[in-house]
Protein backbone atom coordinates (compact mmCIF):
# COMPACT_ATOMS: atom_id res chain seq x y z
CA MET A 1 12.56 24.44 -7.94
CA ALA A 2 10.62 24.38 -11.17
CA ASN A 3 11.25 25.98 -14.57
CA ILE A 4 8.38 27.97 -16.06
CA THR A 5 8.41 29.37 -19.61
CA LEU A 6 6.37 32.51 -20.26
CA MET A 7 5.53 33.38 -23.89
CA TRP A 8 3.88 36.35 -25.61
CA ASP A 9 2.91 37.54 -29.07
CA PRO A 10 5.68 39.04 -31.22
CA MET A 11 6.05 42.79 -31.55
CA PRO A 12 3.66 44.20 -34.18
CA ALA A 13 5.35 45.58 -37.30
CA THR A 14 3.88 49.03 -36.53
CA GLU A 15 5.64 49.25 -33.14
CA ALA A 16 9.26 49.53 -32.03
CA TRP A 17 9.77 47.89 -28.66
CA LYS A 18 13.16 48.24 -27.05
CA GLU A 19 12.53 45.30 -24.71
CA VAL A 20 9.89 43.32 -22.86
CA ARG A 21 10.05 43.31 -19.06
CA ILE A 22 8.51 40.60 -16.90
CA TYR A 23 7.35 41.59 -13.42
CA GLU A 24 6.26 39.63 -10.38
CA GLY A 25 4.50 42.22 -8.28
CA ILE A 26 6.73 45.31 -8.45
CA THR A 27 9.90 43.29 -8.99
CA LYS A 28 11.36 42.98 -12.49
CA VAL A 29 12.35 39.32 -12.85
CA ALA A 30 13.35 39.12 -16.53
CA THR A 31 14.01 41.15 -19.66
CA ALA A 32 13.84 40.03 -23.29
CA ILE A 33 14.98 41.90 -26.39
CA PRO A 34 12.72 41.52 -29.45
CA PRO A 35 12.38 39.37 -31.50
CA VAL A 36 12.60 37.05 -28.44
CA VAL A 37 9.06 36.04 -27.39
CA SER A 38 9.66 33.93 -24.27
CA VAL A 39 11.65 33.67 -21.05
CA THR A 40 12.24 30.70 -18.77
CA LEU A 41 12.24 31.36 -15.04
CA SER A 42 13.31 29.12 -12.16
CA VAL A 43 10.70 29.42 -9.43
CA THR A 44 10.15 28.13 -5.94
CA LYS A 45 7.27 25.78 -5.31
CA ALA A 46 4.84 28.52 -4.31
CA PRO A 47 2.21 30.42 -6.30
CA HIS A 48 3.59 33.09 -8.65
CA THR A 49 1.85 35.74 -10.79
CA TRP A 50 3.54 37.67 -13.61
CA VAL A 51 2.77 40.47 -16.06
CA ALA A 52 4.72 41.75 -19.05
CA ARG A 53 5.30 45.32 -20.19
CA SER A 54 6.74 46.42 -23.51
CA VAL A 55 9.27 49.25 -23.38
CA ALA A 56 9.75 51.85 -26.11
CA THR A 57 11.43 55.24 -26.53
CA ASP A 58 9.47 58.35 -27.49
CA SER A 59 10.59 61.04 -29.95
CA ALA A 60 12.35 62.94 -27.13
CA GLY A 61 14.41 59.84 -26.30
CA GLU A 62 12.49 59.15 -23.09
CA GLU A 63 11.86 55.50 -22.25
CA TYR A 64 8.34 54.45 -21.29
CA GLU A 65 6.58 51.21 -20.37
CA SER A 66 3.22 49.98 -21.58
CA VAL A 67 0.43 49.11 -19.21
CA ASP A 68 0.48 45.60 -17.75
CA SER A 69 -0.35 42.65 -19.98
CA ASN A 70 -2.87 40.13 -18.80
CA SER A 71 -1.50 38.33 -15.75
CA VAL A 72 -0.55 34.68 -15.64
CA THR A 73 -0.42 32.65 -12.42
CA TRP A 74 1.35 29.39 -11.72
CA ALA A 75 0.90 27.26 -8.62
CA PRO A 76 2.63 23.97 -7.86
CA PRO A 77 0.52 20.84 -8.02
CA LEU A 78 -1.12 19.77 -4.79
CA PRO A 79 -0.04 16.54 -3.16
CA PRO A 80 -2.40 13.58 -3.48
CA GLY A 81 -5.33 13.37 -1.07
CA ARG A 82 -5.32 11.02 1.90
CA LEU A 83 -3.70 7.76 0.94
CA ARG A 84 -5.31 4.55 2.16
CA LYS A 85 -4.13 1.00 2.51
């Protein structure tokens, strides 16, 4: 297992996010409440790709998510090439 920390820019003063959700594919893997701007995930040693979405509430009280952020991918390091004597 490895620990990966994902970070993002803070919420702009002109917006009112309720939370930030981190997704891997369609699966929500973490939630952060502003002003928090990072999460640390424990991941298996396989490639992973995440996106973030901010969540807000409209004037009718309905919750909505933003579009996906840019994606970030992590892959474990490759083992060394052929070793020689």
